[in-house]
Amino acid sequence: MKVHLLAKQFPLTPALRGYAERRLRTGLSFARDRIGDVVVRLGDINGPRGGNDKQCHILIAVPGQPALVVRDVQADLYSAIDRAVKRAAHTLRQAVMQRRYLERWGHRNPARPRHAAAEALAVADAS
C-alpha cells in the first residue's frame, strides 16, 4: 500500500502527514495486501472564513475493482481524517468480503427469504 498525501490551501506539516499516514496504515491494515495506491487530499474549503470546512478525500485503488472514494468534511482536519479513514475501512471491508464471496462461490448471494421457517411450513402443509 502506497500512500500519496496532497494538501490544498494550506501547507502540509510533518505532524499532519505523520498523523494521516498512521491512521491510514492502522485503519486499512486488514487489507494491505489487496490495496494498490491510496490518494489522500486534504483541503480547506472556505479558506480563512472558518466553519465546517476542513475536507479529507480518500481514493483507494483496489486491483480488479472500481476505486473506492470517501469524502468527509469537519471543522477540525484531524477529525475529518479520522472519520474518513473509518468510513473508508468500512467500505473496503465490504468490498473485500464481497470479492472473497465471489471468488469462492462465483456468484452473488441470492436474497434469503425473510421467514424461511414459515415458508417451509407452508410448503409442507401444501403437500
C-alpha atoms as a PDB file:
ATOM      1  CA  MET A   1       0.000   0.000   0.000  1.00  0.00           C
ATOM      2  CA  LYS A   2       1.481   3.284  -1.111  1.00  0.00           C
ATOM      3  CA  VAL A   3       0.056   6.496   0.383  1.00  0.00           C
ATOM      4  CA  HIS A   4       0.073   9.804  -1.515  1.00  0.00           C
ATOM      5  CA  LEU A   5      -0.842  12.907   0.520  1.00  0.00           C
ATOM      6  CA  LEU A   6      -1.832  16.182  -1.108  1.00  0.00           C
ATOM      7  CA  ALA A   7      -2.862  19.444   0.580  1.00  0.00           C
ATOM      8  CA  LYS A   8      -4.740  22.402  -0.913  1.00  0.00           C
ATOM      9  CA  GLN A   9      -4.899  25.946   0.506  1.00  0.00           C
ATOM     10  CA  PHE A  10      -2.504  25.188   3.389  1.00  0.00           C
ATOM     11  CA  PRO A  11       0.958  23.712   3.973  1.00  0.00           C
ATOM     12  CA  LEU A  12       1.200  20.016   4.813  1.00  0.00           C
ATOM     13  CA  THR A  13       3.121  19.885   8.103  1.00  0.00           C
ATOM     14  CA  PRO A  14       5.187  16.832   9.092  1.00  0.00           C
ATOM     15  CA  ALA A  15       2.872  16.279  12.092  1.00  0.00           C
ATOM     16  CA  LEU A  16      -0.237  16.243   9.893  1.00  0.00           C
ATOM     17  CA  ARG A  17       1.459  13.994   7.334  1.00  0.00           C
ATOM     18  CA  GLY A  18       2.538  11.543  10.033  1.00  0.00           C
ATOM     19  CA  TYR A  19      -0.905  11.505  11.628  1.00  0.00           C
ATOM     20  CA  ALA A  20      -2.692  10.835   8.329  1.00  0.00           C
ATOM     21  CA  GLU A  21      -0.262   8.088   7.317  1.00  0.00           C
ATOM     22  CA  ARG A  22      -0.500   6.412  10.744  1.00  0.00           C
ATOM     23  CA  ARG A  23      -4.293   6.468  10.706  1.00  0.00           C
ATOM     24  CA  LEU A  24      -4.423   5.069   7.170  1.00  0.00           C
ATOM     25  CA  ARG A  25      -1.916   2.309   7.807  1.00  0.00           C
ATOM     26  CA  THR A  26      -3.626   1.133  11.006  1.00  0.00           C
ATOM     27  CA  GLY A  27      -7.175   1.585   9.699  1.00  0.00           C
ATOM     28  CA  LEU A  28      -6.586  -0.252   6.428  1.00  0.00           C
ATOM     29  CA  SER A  29      -4.054  -2.823   7.661  1.00  0.00           C
ATOM     30  CA  PHE A  30      -6.529  -5.703   7.356  1.00  0.00           C
ATOM     31  CA  ALA A  31      -6.428  -5.410   3.546  1.00  0.00           C
ATOM     32  CA  ARG A  32      -2.942  -4.025   2.908  1.00  0.00           C
ATOM     33  CA  ASP A  33      -2.107  -6.889   0.520  1.00  0.00           C
ATOM     34  CA  ARG A  34      -5.216  -6.119  -1.605  1.00  0.00           C
ATOM     35  CA  ILE A  35      -4.709  -2.337  -1.862  1.00  0.00           C
ATOM     36  CA  GLY A  36      -2.715  -0.625  -4.583  1.00  0.00           C
ATOM     37  CA  ASP A  37      -2.356   3.127  -4.087  1.00  0.00           C
ATOM     38  CA  VAL A  38      -4.145   5.378  -1.616  1.00  0.00           C
ATOM     39  CA  VAL A  39      -4.512   9.061  -2.504  1.00  0.00           C
ATOM     40  CA  VAL A  40      -5.496  11.444   0.299  1.00  0.00           C
ATOM     41  CA  ARG A  41      -6.411  15.046  -0.495  1.00  0.00           C
ATOM     42  CA  LEU A  42      -6.711  17.422   2.420  1.00  0.00           C
ATOM     43  CA  GLY A  43      -8.265  20.806   1.858  1.00  0.00           C
ATOM     44  CA  ASP A  44      -9.739  23.918   3.400  1.00  0.00           C
ATOM     45  CA  ILE A  45     -12.956  24.613   1.502  1.00  0.00           C
ATOM     46  CA  ASN A  46     -13.835  28.092   2.816  1.00  0.00           C
ATOM     47  CA  GLY A  47     -10.296  29.332   3.292  1.00  0.00           C
ATOM     48  CA  PRO A  48      -9.843  31.848   6.130  1.00  0.00           C
ATOM     49  CA  ARG A  49     -13.603  32.293   6.759  1.00  0.00           C
ATOM     50  CA  GLY A  50     -13.779  29.245   9.075  1.00  0.00           C
ATOM     51  CA  GLY A  51     -16.669  26.868   9.752  1.00  0.00           C
ATOM     52  CA  ASN A  52     -17.080  23.185   8.937  1.00  0.00           C
ATOM     53  CA  ASP A  53     -14.767  23.369   6.007  1.00  0.00           C
ATOM     54  CA  LYS A  54     -11.828  21.003   6.513  1.00  0.00           C
ATOM     55  CA  GLN A  55     -12.077  18.221   3.945  1.00  0.00           C
ATOM     56  CA  CYS A  56     -10.452  14.800   3.730  1.00  0.00           C
ATOM     57  CA  HIS A  57     -10.914  12.998   0.414  1.00  0.00           C
ATOM     58  CA  ILE A  58      -9.616   9.399   0.201  1.00  0.00           C
ATOM     59  CA  LEU A  59      -9.326   7.383  -3.010  1.00  0.00           C
ATOM     60  CA  ILE A  60      -8.320   3.726  -2.675  1.00  0.00           C
ATOM     61  CA  ALA A  61      -7.210   1.793  -5.756  1.00  0.00           C
ATOM     62  CA  VAL A  62      -8.067  -1.899  -5.475  1.00  0.00           C
ATOM     63  CA  PRO A  63      -6.790  -4.020  -8.386  1.00  0.00           C
ATOM     64  CA  GLY A  64      -9.632  -5.646 -10.288  1.00  0.00           C
ATOM     65  CA  GLN A  65     -12.315  -3.453  -8.709  1.00  0.00           C
ATOM     66  CA  PRO A  66     -13.565   0.104  -9.095  1.00  0.00           C
ATOM     67  CA  ALA A  67     -11.773   2.701  -6.998  1.00  0.00           C
ATOM     68  CA  LEU A  68     -13.283   3.391  -3.572  1.00  0.00           C
ATOM     69  CA  VAL A  69     -13.848   7.068  -2.806  1.00  0.00           C
ATOM     70  CA  VAL A  70     -14.695   8.528   0.608  1.00  0.00           C
ATOM     71  CA  ARG A  71     -15.034  12.215   1.492  1.00  0.00           C
ATOM     72  CA  ASP A  72     -15.649  13.813   4.875  1.00  0.00           C
ATOM     73  CA  VAL A  73     -15.937  17.453   5.971  1.00  0.00           C
ATOM     74  CA  GLN A  74     -15.474  18.605   9.577  1.00  0.00           C
ATOM     75  CA  ALA A  75     -14.476  21.723  11.493  1.00  0.00           C
ATOM     76  CA  ASP A  76     -11.200  20.049  12.550  1.00  0.00           C
ATOM     77  CA  LEU A  77      -8.903  18.423   9.997  1.00  0.00           C
ATOM     78  CA  TYR A  78      -7.823  15.650  12.385  1.00  0.00           C
ATOM     79  CA  SER A  79     -11.429  14.584  12.998  1.00  0.00           C
ATOM     80  CA  ALA A  80     -12.116  14.728   9.243  1.00  0.00           C
ATOM     81  CA  ILE A  81      -9.191  12.349   8.715  1.00  0.00           C
ATOM     82  CA  ASP A  82     -10.436  10.037  11.490  1.00  0.00           C
ATOM     83  CA  ARG A  83     -13.981   9.846  10.126  1.00  0.00           C
ATOM     84  CA  ALA A  84     -12.883   9.442   6.506  1.00  0.00           C
ATOM     85  CA  VAL A  85     -10.482   6.612   7.400  1.00  0.00           C
ATOM     86  CA  LYS A  86     -13.172   4.884   9.456  1.00  0.00           C
ATOM     87  CA  ARG A  87     -15.660   5.118   6.587  1.00  0.00           C
ATOM     88  CA  ALA A  88     -13.027   4.017   4.062  1.00  0.00           C
ATOM     89  CA  ALA A  89     -12.185   0.972   6.202  1.00  0.00           C
ATOM     90  CA  HIS A  90     -15.866   0.033   6.402  1.00  0.00           C
ATOM     91  CA  THR A  91     -16.344   0.421   2.644  1.00  0.00           C
ATOM     92  CA  LEU A  92     -13.161  -1.511   1.904  1.00  0.00           C
ATOM     93  CA  ARG A  93     -14.140  -4.297   4.304  1.00  0.00           C
ATOM     94  CA  GLN A  94     -17.483  -4.685   2.492  1.00  0.00           C
ATOM     95  CA  ALA A  95     -15.742  -4.769  -0.911  1.00  0.00           C
ATOM     96  CA  VAL A  96     -13.199  -7.355   0.283  1.00  0.00           C
ATOM     97  CA  MET A  97     -15.927  -9.567   1.744  1.00  0.00           C
ATOM     98  CA  GLN A  98     -17.927  -9.378  -1.479  1.00  0.00           C
ATOM     99  CA  ARG A  99     -14.826 -10.152  -3.536  1.00  0.00           C
ATOM    100  CA  ARG A 100     -13.997 -13.179  -1.344  1.00  0.00           C
ATOM    101  CA  TYR A 101     -17.549 -14.459  -1.681  1.00  0.00           C
ATOM    102  CA  LEU A 102     -17.441 -14.087  -5.472  1.00  0.00           C
ATOM    103  CA  GLU A 103     -14.056 -15.820  -5.655  1.00  0.00           C
ATOM    104  CA  ARG A 104     -15.349 -18.699  -3.578  1.00  0.00           C
ATOM    105  CA  TRP A 105     -18.840 -19.183  -4.972  1.00  0.00           C
ATOM    106  CA  GLY A 106     -18.694 -17.454  -8.357  1.00  0.00           C
ATOM    107  CA  HIS A 107     -21.972 -15.560  -7.977  1.00  0.00           C
ATOM    108  CA  ARG A 108     -23.750 -13.108  -5.728  1.00  0.00           C
ATOM    109  CA  ASN A 109     -25.521 -14.326  -2.635  1.00  0.00           C
ATOM    110  CA  PRO A 110     -29.227 -14.708  -3.520  1.00  0.00           C
ATOM    111  CA  ALA A 111     -31.652 -12.936  -1.240  1.00  0.00           C
ATOM    112  CA  ARG A 112     -32.780 -15.251   1.511  1.00  0.00           C
ATOM    113  CA  PRO A 113     -36.465 -15.307   2.365  1.00  0.00           C
ATOM    114  CA  ARG A 114     -37.323 -13.353   5.485  1.00  0.00           C
ATOM    115  CA  HIS A 115     -39.351 -16.077   7.116  1.00  0.00           C
ATOM    116  CA  ALA A 116     -37.776 -19.300   5.901  1.00  0.00           C
ATOM    117  CA  ALA A 117     -39.389 -21.377   8.652  1.00  0.00           C
ATOM    118  CA  ALA A 118     -42.864 -20.057   7.824  1.00  0.00           C
ATOM    119  CA  GLU A 119     -42.331 -20.779   4.118  1.00  0.00           C
ATOM    120  CA  ALA A 120     -41.095 -24.305   4.897  1.00  0.00           C
ATOM    121  CA  LEU A 121     -44.242 -24.955   6.958  1.00  0.00           C
ATOM    122  CA  ALA A 122     -46.428 -23.607   4.154  1.00  0.00           C
ATOM    123  CA  VAL A 123     -44.758 -25.924   1.627  1.00  0.00           C
ATOM    124  CA  ALA A 124     -45.114 -28.889   3.990  1.00  0.00           C
ATOM    125  CA  ASP A 125     -48.830 -28.101   4.598  1.00  0.00           C
ATOM    126  CA  ALA A 126     -49.480 -27.776   0.856  1.00  0.00           C
ATOM    127  CA  SER A 127     -48.191 -31.273   0.122  1.00  0.00           C
END
